[in-house]
N, C-alpha and C. Protein backbone atom coordinates (compact mmCIF):
# COMPACT_ATOMS: atom_id res chain seq x y z
N MET A 1 70.50 168.44 74.68
CA MET A 1 70.28 168.42 76.11
C MET A 1 69.91 167.01 76.57
N TYR A 2 68.92 166.42 75.92
CA TYR A 2 68.47 165.10 76.34
C TYR A 2 69.54 164.05 76.08
N THR A 3 70.33 164.24 75.03
CA THR A 3 71.36 163.24 74.72
C THR A 3 72.44 163.20 75.79
N ASN A 4 72.75 164.35 76.40
CA ASN A 4 73.74 164.36 77.48
C ASN A 4 73.23 163.57 78.68
N LYS A 5 71.96 163.73 79.00
CA LYS A 5 71.40 163.00 80.13
C LYS A 5 71.33 161.51 79.86
N LEU A 6 70.98 161.16 78.63
CA LEU A 6 70.90 159.75 78.27
C LEU A 6 72.29 159.11 78.28
N ARG A 7 73.26 159.80 77.70
CA ARG A 7 74.63 159.26 77.70
C ARG A 7 75.18 159.21 79.12
N GLY A 8 74.83 160.19 79.94
CA GLY A 8 75.27 160.17 81.33
C GLY A 8 74.74 158.98 82.09
N SER A 9 73.48 158.66 81.86
CA SER A 9 72.91 157.48 82.52
C SER A 9 73.59 156.21 82.04
N TRP A 10 73.89 156.15 80.75
CA TRP A 10 74.58 154.98 80.21
C TRP A 10 75.98 154.86 80.81
N ASP A 11 76.70 155.98 80.91
CA ASP A 11 78.04 155.95 81.49
C ASP A 11 78.01 155.54 82.96
N GLN A 12 76.98 155.95 83.67
CA GLN A 12 76.86 155.54 85.07
C GLN A 12 76.65 154.04 85.17
N ALA A 13 75.82 153.49 84.29
CA ALA A 13 75.57 152.04 84.31
C ALA A 13 76.84 151.26 83.94
N LYS A 14 77.56 151.72 82.92
CA LYS A 14 78.81 151.06 82.55
C LYS A 14 79.83 151.15 83.67
N GLY A 15 79.92 152.31 84.30
CA GLY A 15 80.86 152.48 85.40
C GLY A 15 80.55 151.58 86.57
N PHE A 16 79.26 151.44 86.88
CA PHE A 16 78.87 150.57 87.98
C PHE A 16 79.23 149.13 87.68
N SER A 17 79.00 148.69 86.44
CA SER A 17 79.34 147.31 86.10
C SER A 17 80.84 147.08 86.14
N ARG A 18 81.64 148.08 85.71
CA ARG A 18 83.09 147.94 85.80
C ARG A 18 83.56 147.90 87.25
N GLU A 19 82.95 148.74 88.09
CA GLU A 19 83.29 148.70 89.51
C GLU A 19 83.02 147.32 90.09
N LEU A 20 81.86 146.79 89.78
CA LEU A 20 81.47 145.49 90.31
C LEU A 20 82.41 144.40 89.80
N TRP A 21 82.74 144.43 88.52
CA TRP A 21 83.66 143.44 87.96
C TRP A 21 85.05 143.56 88.58
N GLY A 22 85.48 144.79 88.78
CA GLY A 22 86.79 145.00 89.40
C GLY A 22 86.82 144.50 90.83
N GLU A 23 85.71 144.65 91.53
CA GLU A 23 85.64 144.18 92.91
C GLU A 23 85.60 142.65 92.96
N ILE A 24 84.87 142.05 92.04
CA ILE A 24 84.78 140.59 92.01
C ILE A 24 86.13 139.97 91.68
N THR A 25 86.80 140.52 90.67
CA THR A 25 88.07 139.94 90.23
C THR A 25 89.26 140.42 91.04
N GLY A 26 89.09 141.46 91.82
CA GLY A 26 90.20 141.99 92.61
C GLY A 26 91.11 142.90 91.81
N ASP A 27 90.66 143.34 90.64
CA ASP A 27 91.45 144.23 89.79
C ASP A 27 91.06 145.67 90.13
N TYR A 28 91.93 146.34 90.87
CA TYR A 28 91.58 147.68 91.35
C TYR A 28 91.73 148.75 90.28
N HIS A 29 92.44 148.45 89.19
CA HIS A 29 92.50 149.39 88.08
C HIS A 29 91.14 149.46 87.37
N VAL A 30 90.51 148.33 87.19
CA VAL A 30 89.18 148.29 86.59
C VAL A 30 88.19 148.96 87.53
N PHE A 31 88.33 148.71 88.82
CA PHE A 31 87.45 149.32 89.81
C PHE A 31 87.55 150.84 89.77
N SER A 32 88.76 151.38 89.74
CA SER A 32 88.93 152.83 89.73
C SER A 32 88.48 153.44 88.41
N ASP A 33 88.66 152.71 87.31
CA ASP A 33 88.14 153.20 86.03
C ASP A 33 86.61 153.28 86.06
N GLY A 34 85.99 152.33 86.73
CA GLY A 34 84.54 152.37 86.87
C GLY A 34 84.07 153.55 87.69
N LEU A 35 84.79 153.86 88.76
CA LEU A 35 84.45 155.03 89.57
C LEU A 35 84.55 156.31 88.76
N ARG A 36 85.62 156.41 87.98
CA ARG A 36 85.83 157.59 87.13
C ARG A 36 84.70 157.73 86.13
N GLU A 37 84.31 156.62 85.52
CA GLU A 37 83.25 156.64 84.52
C GLU A 37 81.90 157.02 85.14
N ARG A 38 81.65 156.55 86.34
CA ARG A 38 80.40 156.93 87.03
C ARG A 38 80.38 158.42 87.34
N MET A 39 81.52 158.98 87.75
CA MET A 39 81.58 160.43 88.02
C MET A 39 81.34 161.23 86.76
N ILE A 40 81.91 160.78 85.65
CA ILE A 40 81.69 161.47 84.38
C ILE A 40 80.21 161.40 84.01
N GLY A 41 79.60 160.25 84.19
CA GLY A 41 78.18 160.10 83.89
C GLY A 41 77.30 160.98 84.75
N ARG A 42 77.67 161.14 85.99
CA ARG A 42 76.88 162.02 86.87
C ARG A 42 76.96 163.46 86.43
N LEU A 43 78.15 163.90 86.03
CA LEU A 43 78.28 165.28 85.53
C LEU A 43 77.48 165.47 84.25
N GLU A 44 77.51 164.47 83.38
CA GLU A 44 76.76 164.58 82.14
C GLU A 44 75.26 164.68 82.39
N SER A 45 74.75 163.83 83.24
CA SER A 45 73.30 163.79 83.43
C SER A 45 72.78 164.90 84.34
N ARG A 46 73.50 165.21 85.38
CA ARG A 46 72.98 166.20 86.33
C ARG A 46 73.29 167.64 85.94
N CYS A 47 74.46 167.87 85.38
CA CYS A 47 74.87 169.23 85.02
C CYS A 47 74.69 169.52 83.55
N ASP A 48 74.17 168.55 82.79
CA ASP A 48 73.96 168.68 81.36
C ASP A 48 75.24 169.12 80.67
N MET A 49 76.32 168.42 80.97
CA MET A 49 77.64 168.74 80.47
C MET A 49 78.01 167.74 79.37
N PRO A 50 78.62 168.20 78.28
CA PRO A 50 79.06 167.26 77.24
C PRO A 50 80.13 166.31 77.77
N HIS A 51 80.26 165.15 77.11
CA HIS A 51 81.16 164.10 77.58
C HIS A 51 82.61 164.59 77.66
N ASP A 52 83.06 165.28 76.64
CA ASP A 52 84.45 165.75 76.63
C ASP A 52 84.73 166.71 77.78
N ALA A 53 83.82 167.63 78.02
CA ALA A 53 84.00 168.59 79.10
C ALA A 53 83.97 167.90 80.46
N ALA A 54 83.11 166.91 80.61
CA ALA A 54 83.03 166.18 81.88
C ALA A 54 84.33 165.40 82.13
N GLU A 55 84.89 164.79 81.07
CA GLU A 55 86.16 164.07 81.23
C GLU A 55 87.28 165.01 81.64
N LYS A 56 87.36 166.17 81.02
CA LYS A 56 88.40 167.15 81.36
C LYS A 56 88.24 167.61 82.80
N HIS A 57 87.00 167.83 83.22
CA HIS A 57 86.74 168.30 84.58
C HIS A 57 87.18 167.26 85.60
N ILE A 58 86.83 166.01 85.38
CA ILE A 58 87.21 164.93 86.29
C ILE A 58 88.72 164.74 86.30
N ASP A 59 89.36 164.81 85.13
CA ASP A 59 90.81 164.67 85.08
C ASP A 59 91.51 165.79 85.86
N GLN A 60 90.97 167.00 85.80
CA GLN A 60 91.54 168.10 86.57
C GLN A 60 91.37 167.89 88.07
N LEU A 61 90.25 167.32 88.46
CA LEU A 61 90.02 167.06 89.87
C LEU A 61 90.94 165.95 90.40
N ILE A 62 91.19 164.96 89.58
CA ILE A 62 92.00 163.82 90.00
C ILE A 62 93.46 164.20 90.15
N GLN A 63 93.96 165.06 89.27
CA GLN A 63 95.39 165.40 89.30
C GLN A 63 95.73 166.28 90.43
C-alpha cells in the first residue's frame, strides 16, 4: 500500500520535470509524456493502484 503511494509521488515529480523540460525546449512529445506520467502517479498515490493497472487505465482513457 505505502509503496504505491511513494511510487506515485515519484512518478508525479518525474512527470512534472518532463513537462517543464518539454515546455522549455519546445518539445511537445516530452511535454505530453510528462502529463501522462503525472496522471499515472496521481492514480497510484490517490487510488492506491499498482503502476501497471494505472498505465492501462490511462491508456484506455487516452484512446
